[in-house]
Protein backbone atom coordinates (compact mmCIF):
# COMPACT_ATOMS: atom_id res chain seq x y z
CA MET A 1 -21.51 -19.91 -7.46
CA ALA A 2 -20.07 -19.76 -3.97
CA ARG A 3 -21.89 -17.75 -1.37
CA PRO A 4 -19.86 -14.71 -0.21
CA ARG A 5 -18.45 -15.00 3.28
CA PHE A 6 -18.00 -12.45 6.02
CA ASN A 7 -14.58 -10.78 5.80
CA GLY A 8 -13.37 -10.08 9.33
CA ALA A 9 -10.16 -8.41 8.14
CA ALA A 10 -12.16 -5.78 6.23
CA ALA A 11 -14.34 -5.15 9.29
CA THR A 12 -11.25 -4.79 11.51
CA LEU A 13 -9.64 -2.42 9.03
CA ALA A 14 -12.81 -0.32 8.92
CA ALA A 15 -12.81 -0.19 12.74
CA LEU A 16 -9.18 0.97 12.74
CA VAL A 17 -9.90 3.66 10.15
CA GLY A 18 -12.96 4.81 12.11
CA GLY A 19 -10.93 4.89 15.33
CA GLY A 20 -8.28 6.98 13.57
CA ILE A 21 -10.93 9.44 12.39
CA GLY A 22 -12.35 9.64 15.91
CA LEU A 23 -8.88 10.22 17.34
CA SER A 24 -8.22 13.00 14.84
CA VAL A 25 -11.50 14.68 15.84
CA ALA A 26 -10.47 14.44 19.51
CA LEU A 27 -7.06 15.96 18.73
CA PHE A 28 -8.73 18.77 16.81
CA LEU A 29 -11.07 19.51 19.71
CA ARG A 30 -8.13 19.45 22.13
CA ALA A 31 -6.30 21.99 19.98
CA LEU A 32 -9.37 24.21 19.98
CA VAL A 33 -9.80 24.00 23.75
CA LEU A 34 -6.10 24.59 24.47
CA ASN A 35 -6.26 27.83 22.48
CA THR A 36 -9.10 29.19 24.61
CA PRO A 37 -8.92 30.61 28.13
CA ALA A 38 -10.82 27.56 29.47
CA ASP A 39 -9.14 25.55 32.22
CA VAL A 40 -9.52 21.83 31.43
CA ARG A 41 -7.89 18.97 33.33
CA PRO A 42 -5.63 16.60 31.36
CA SER A 43 -7.81 13.62 32.33
CA THR A 44 -10.65 15.22 30.40
CA PHE A 45 -8.57 15.09 27.23
CA TYR A 46 -7.73 11.45 27.90
CA TRP A 47 -11.41 10.54 28.12
CA TRP A 48 -12.11 12.57 24.99
CA PHE A 49 -9.52 10.46 23.15
CA VAL A 50 -11.05 7.26 24.47
CA LEU A 51 -14.63 8.32 23.72
CA PHE A 52 -14.05 9.62 20.21
CA SER A 53 -11.75 6.76 19.23
CA ALA A 54 -14.24 4.17 20.50
CA ALA A 55 -17.16 5.90 18.78
CA GLY A 56 -15.24 6.11 15.50
CA ALA A 57 -14.20 2.46 15.73
CA LEU A 58 -17.77 1.39 16.45
CA TRP A 59 -19.04 3.47 13.54
CA GLY A 60 -16.52 1.93 11.13
CA LEU A 61 -17.14 -1.60 12.35
CA ALA A 62 -20.93 -1.28 12.22
CA THR A 63 -20.87 0.29 8.77
CA GLN A 64 -18.63 -2.40 7.28
CA THR A 65 -20.49 -5.21 9.02
CA MET A 66 -23.87 -4.04 7.73
CA LYS A 67 -22.45 -3.60 4.23
CA GLN A 68 -21.13 -7.16 4.19
CA LEU A 69 -24.25 -8.69 5.73
CA GLU A 70 -26.46 -6.93 3.18
CA ARG A 71 -24.28 -8.30 0.39
CA ILE A 72 -24.37 -11.83 1.84
CA GLN A 73 -28.15 -11.77 2.30
CA GLY A 74 -28.76 -10.28 -1.14
CA TYR A 75 -30.52 -7.22 0.24
CA ARG A 76 -31.40 -4.54 -2.34
CA HIS A 77 -31.82 -0.91 -1.40
CA GLY A 78 -34.87 0.87 -2.73
CA SER A 79 -34.15 3.72 -5.08
CA LEU A 80 -35.62 7.19 -4.91
CA ARG A 81 -37.51 6.54 -8.15
CA PRO A 82 -38.63 2.91 -8.07
CA SER A 83 -39.10 1.07 -11.33
CA ALA A 84 -42.33 -0.73 -12.16
CA ALA A 85 -40.88 -4.00 -10.81
CA ASP A 86 -40.04 -2.37 -7.45
CA ARG A 87 -43.46 -0.84 -6.79
CA ARG A 88 -45.29 -1.95 -3.71
CA LEU A 89 -49.03 -2.32 -3.23
CA GLY A 90 -50.87 0.96 -3.15
CA GLN A 91 -48.14 3.08 -4.73
CA ASP A 92 -49.83 3.22 -8.12
CA ASP A 93 -53.15 4.55 -6.77
CA PRO A 94 -54.03 7.76 -8.65
CA GLU A 95 -55.10 9.65 -5.53
CA PRO A 96 -55.09 8.72 -1.85
CA ARG A 97 -58.49 8.14 -0.32
CA ASP A 98 -60.01 10.89 1.78
CA PRO A 99 -59.99 9.66 5.41
CA SER A 100 -62.93 11.89 6.31
CA ALA A 101 -65.16 10.45 3.56
CA GLY A 102 -68.08 8.64 5.11
CA ALA A 103 -67.45 9.96 8.62
CA GLU A 104 -70.61 10.82 10.49
CA GLU A 105 -71.05 14.31 11.82
CA LEU A 106 -70.52 14.77 15.55
CA PRO A 107 -73.17 16.58 17.61
CA ALA A 108 -72.39 20.11 18.72
CA ARG A 109 -71.09 20.64 22.25
CA GLY A 110 -73.88 21.13 24.77
CA SER A 111 -76.56 19.87 22.38
CA GLY A 112 -78.15 17.69 25.00
CA ASP A 113 -76.00 14.65 24.38
CA PRO A 114 -75.02 13.24 27.82
CA GLY A 115 -71.55 12.41 26.49
CA PHE A 116 -70.72 16.10 26.15
CA ARG A 117 -70.63 18.14 29.34
């Protein structure tokens, strides 16, 4: 069985889709701001387009890259209800131990102990 390889075309496509989503959010925000009495310079909208497009592209690229790398490495996600084979040490304890059990009692404040003043 051949080991799966990283698919750069899928990662690039995911970055383009994410950039498109970011651009659509920037256009939506521009439409909101243009319909308010706020006075905003056109360069602000340009930087909004750049920022949201870049953030969307980075989100899409990172998501697709992590998905492919997890598949290549054989990583398994833990489920919300793990089966018996997925249990880790200590999960099948009936009750957690009481952290205060066996703790010695501290002296009262001002009881003559030089550590308390």
